[in-house]
C-alpha cells in the first residue's frame, strides 16, 4: 500500500496535475492491451494441437508412473506384513519347541533318567531342534499370533501361559452334538 502512495507522489511531482488524468488513461489502455495479448497467446498455445499432444503425453506418463509407484508401495506393504507374520509364527514355534524340550528335560530329570549335570539321552535341547517341520501344528491364523499380545508375553515369562489349541469349527460342532446326545441317553 505504501508503494502505491509513493508512486502517486512521484507522479504528482513529475507531471502537472492537468496531465495526470490523461497519463492514467494511457497507462490503463497499455495495461489492457498487454493483458489481452497475454490472454490471446495463452489461448493459442492451449488450442494448438501440436503443442497439446506433448502435454497430454506428459500427463499420461505422470499418471502411469504415479499408479506404478502406488502399486509397488502396496505390494511392498503386503510383503512386509507377510514377513512379519512369518517371523511371529517362527518365534511361536521356537518358543513352543523350547518349552517342550524343557518339559521333556524336566520329566527326564524327575524320573532319574539322567544326572543333574548330564541330560537324559532322549531329551531334546533347544539347540538340537532344527527348523519347524510342516507336521507341527501352527498357531491359529484367525487369532492373535504369539508375541503380539503383551499379556501373553507376561504370562509366558511368569510360566502361567497355556497355549490355545487350534480347533476346527466343524469338528467342534460335531463334538458338541456328540456330547449332547450322550447327555440325553
Protein backbone atom coordinates (compact mmCIF):
# COMPACT_ATOMS: atom_id res chain seq x y z
CA UNK A 1 0.00 0.00 0.00
CA UNK A 2 2.87 2.31 0.76
CA UNK A 3 4.40 1.63 -2.64
CA UNK A 4 1.27 2.85 -4.43
CA UNK A 5 1.32 6.07 -2.40
CA UNK A 6 4.99 6.60 -3.27
CA UNK A 7 4.27 6.09 -6.98
CA UNK A 8 1.40 8.62 -6.83
CA UNK A 9 3.59 11.17 -5.04
CA UNK A 10 6.36 10.81 -7.65
CA UNK A 11 3.79 11.10 -10.50
CA UNK A 12 2.39 14.34 -8.99
CA UNK A 13 5.89 15.81 -8.72
CA UNK A 14 6.94 14.84 -12.26
CA UNK A 15 3.74 15.63 -14.17
CA UNK A 16 1.48 18.66 -13.88
CA UNK A 17 -1.98 17.99 -12.36
CA UNK A 18 -3.73 18.62 -15.67
CA UNK A 19 -1.75 15.85 -17.38
CA UNK A 20 -2.39 13.16 -14.69
CA UNK A 21 -5.84 12.04 -15.94
CA UNK A 22 -4.50 11.63 -19.48
CA UNK A 23 -1.49 9.71 -18.14
CA UNK A 24 -3.73 7.38 -16.09
CA UNK A 25 -5.90 6.64 -19.15
CA UNK A 26 -2.82 5.88 -21.24
CA UNK A 27 -1.40 3.55 -18.59
CA UNK A 28 -4.74 1.74 -18.24
CA UNK A 29 -5.00 1.36 -22.05
CA UNK A 30 -1.46 -0.08 -22.31
CA UNK A 31 -2.12 -2.43 -19.38
CA UNK A 32 -5.33 -3.65 -21.05
CA UNK A 33 -3.54 -4.28 -24.35
CA UNK A 34 -0.75 -6.25 -22.65
CA UNK A 35 -3.31 -8.30 -20.75
CA UNK A 36 -5.34 -9.09 -23.89
CA UNK A 37 -2.17 -10.04 -25.78
CA UNK A 38 -1.11 -12.42 -23.00
CA UNK A 39 -4.58 -13.98 -22.91
CA UNK A 40 -4.61 -14.44 -26.70
CA UNK A 41 -1.18 -16.07 -26.57
CA UNK A 42 -2.25 -18.44 -23.77
CA UNK A 43 -5.40 -19.43 -25.69
CA UNK A 44 -3.48 -20.02 -28.92
CA UNK A 45 -0.96 -22.26 -27.13
CA UNK A 46 -3.66 -24.28 -25.38
CA UNK A 47 -5.74 -24.63 -28.56
CA UNK A 48 -2.81 -25.69 -30.75
CA UNK A 49 -2.99 -29.49 -31.24
CA UNK A 50 0.73 -29.79 -31.97
CA UNK A 51 1.54 -28.34 -28.57
CA UNK A 52 -1.31 -30.13 -26.78
CA UNK A 53 -0.17 -33.66 -27.70
CA UNK A 54 3.14 -33.47 -25.79
CA UNK A 55 1.33 -32.00 -22.78
CA UNK A 56 -1.17 -34.88 -22.82
CA UNK A 57 1.67 -37.42 -23.19
CA UNK A 58 3.48 -35.93 -20.22
CA UNK A 59 0.31 -36.01 -18.13
CA UNK A 60 -0.33 -39.63 -19.14
CA UNK A 61 3.23 -40.67 -18.29
CA UNK A 62 2.97 -38.89 -14.95
CA UNK A 63 -0.31 -40.60 -14.06
CA UNK A 64 1.03 -44.01 -15.14
CA UNK A 65 4.19 -43.56 -13.07
CA UNK A 66 2.15 -42.48 -10.06
CA UNK A 67 -0.05 -45.59 -10.40
CA UNK A 68 3.01 -47.87 -10.65
CA UNK A 69 4.56 -46.28 -7.57
CA UNK A 70 1.35 -46.78 -5.58
CA UNK A 71 1.09 -50.38 -6.78
CA UNK A 72 4.72 -51.07 -5.82
CA UNK A 73 4.12 -49.49 -2.41
CA UNK A 74 1.04 -51.68 -1.87
CA UNK A 75 2.95 -54.82 -2.85
CA UNK A 76 5.85 -53.88 -0.58
CA UNK A 77 3.47 -53.38 2.34
CA UNK A 78 1.91 -56.80 1.67
CA UNK A 79 5.32 -58.47 1.57
CA UNK A 80 6.32 -56.72 4.80
CA UNK A 81 3.13 -57.87 6.54
CA UNK A 82 3.71 -61.42 5.29
CA UNK A 83 7.30 -61.41 6.54
CA UNK A 84 6.21 -60.07 9.93
CA UNK A 85 3.58 -62.80 10.20
CA UNK A 86 6.12 -65.48 9.29
CA UNK A 87 8.52 -64.08 11.89
CA UNK A 88 5.85 -64.20 14.58
CA UNK A 89 4.88 -67.74 13.62
CA UNK A 90 8.52 -68.88 13.64
CA UNK A 91 9.02 -67.27 17.03
CA UNK A 92 5.93 -69.02 18.36
CA UNK A 93 7.16 -72.38 17.04
CA UNK A 94 10.60 -71.82 18.55
CA UNK A 95 9.16 -70.92 21.95
CA UNK A 96 6.85 -73.93 21.86
CA UNK A 97 9.76 -76.21 20.94
CA UNK A 98 11.88 -74.76 23.75
CA UNK A 99 9.06 -75.31 26.24
CA UNK A 100 8.56 -78.84 25.03
CA UNK A 101 12.28 -79.53 25.29
CA UNK A 102 12.39 -78.03 28.77
CA UNK A 103 9.37 -80.09 29.84
CA UNK A 104 10.93 -83.29 28.48
CA UNK A 105 14.21 -82.44 30.18
CA UNK A 106 12.48 -81.83 33.50
CA UNK A 107 10.47 -85.03 33.09
CA UNK A 108 13.70 -86.92 32.39
CA UNK A 109 15.45 -85.42 35.43
CA UNK A 110 12.43 -86.04 37.67
CA UNK A 111 12.31 -89.78 36.85
CA UNK A 112 16.03 -90.26 37.33
CA UNK A 113 16.79 -90.93 33.65
CA UNK A 114 19.89 -88.80 33.81
CA UNK A 115 22.06 -86.96 36.27
CA UNK A 116 21.75 -83.27 37.05
CA UNK A 117 24.90 -82.45 35.13
CA UNK A 118 24.14 -84.69 32.16
CA UNK A 119 20.74 -84.52 30.42
CA UNK A 120 18.87 -87.66 29.57
CA UNK A 121 19.75 -89.31 26.29
CA UNK A 122 16.25 -88.89 24.92
CA UNK A 123 15.81 -85.24 25.99
CA UNK A 124 15.65 -82.52 23.40
CA UNK A 125 17.51 -79.28 23.87
CA UNK A 126 16.67 -76.06 22.07
CA UNK A 127 19.96 -76.25 20.18
CA UNK A 128 19.10 -79.71 18.84
CA UNK A 129 15.81 -78.53 17.39
CA UNK A 130 16.06 -77.71 13.70
CA UNK A 131 13.64 -75.69 11.65
CA UNK A 132 10.00 -76.41 12.31
CA UNK A 133 8.63 -79.23 10.22
CA UNK A 134 5.39 -79.00 8.34
CA UNK A 135 3.83 -81.66 10.59
CA UNK A 136 3.99 -79.35 13.61
CA UNK A 137 0.80 -77.59 14.46
CA UNK A 138 0.85 -73.91 13.61
CA UNK A 139 -0.89 -71.27 15.71
CA UNK A 140 -4.38 -70.37 14.55
CA UNK A 141 -4.34 -67.84 11.75
CA UNK A 142 -7.52 -66.09 12.79
CA UNK A 143 -6.43 -65.37 16.37
CA UNK A 144 -3.57 -63.30 17.74
CA UNK A 145 -0.13 -64.53 16.83
CA UNK A 146 2.24 -65.43 19.63
CA UNK A 147 4.26 -62.46 20.68
CA UNK A 148 1.74 -59.88 19.59
CA UNK A 149 -0.12 -59.52 22.88
CA UNK A 150 1.82 -58.10 25.87
CA UNK A 151 -0.42 -60.09 28.25
CA UNK A 152 0.62 -63.33 26.55
CA UNK A 153 4.29 -62.35 26.79
CA UNK A 154 3.94 -61.56 30.51
CA UNK A 155 2.09 -64.83 31.12
CA UNK A 156 4.83 -66.75 29.32
CA UNK A 157 7.52 -65.14 31.44
CA UNK A 158 5.66 -65.97 34.64
CA UNK A 159 5.02 -69.53 33.45
CA UNK A 160 1.23 -69.18 33.67
CA UNK A 161 0.67 -69.29 29.91
CA UNK A 162 -1.09 -72.22 28.32
CA UNK A 163 -1.19 -72.08 24.52
CA UNK A 164 -4.52 -72.30 22.78
CA UNK A 165 -5.19 -75.35 20.69
CA UNK A 166 -6.45 -74.76 17.18
CA UNK A 167 -9.95 -76.18 16.83
CA UNK A 168 -11.71 -76.88 13.58
CA UNK A 169 -15.15 -75.19 13.86
CA UNK A 170 -16.92 -78.03 12.02
CA UNK A 171 -15.24 -80.65 14.21
CA UNK A 172 -16.04 -78.63 17.34
CA UNK A 173 -19.74 -78.54 16.39
CA UNK A 174 -19.70 -82.33 15.82
CA UNK A 175 -18.12 -82.86 19.26
CA UNK A 176 -20.76 -80.67 20.91
CA UNK A 177 -23.52 -82.61 19.15
CA UNK A 178 -21.98 -85.93 20.28
CA UNK A 179 -21.73 -84.70 23.88
CA UNK A 180 -25.35 -83.52 23.78
CA UNK A 181 -26.51 -86.94 22.55
CA UNK A 182 -24.54 -88.73 25.25
CA UNK A 183 -26.06 -86.47 27.92
CA UNK A 184 -29.60 -87.24 26.70
CA UNK A 185 -29.16 -91.04 26.67
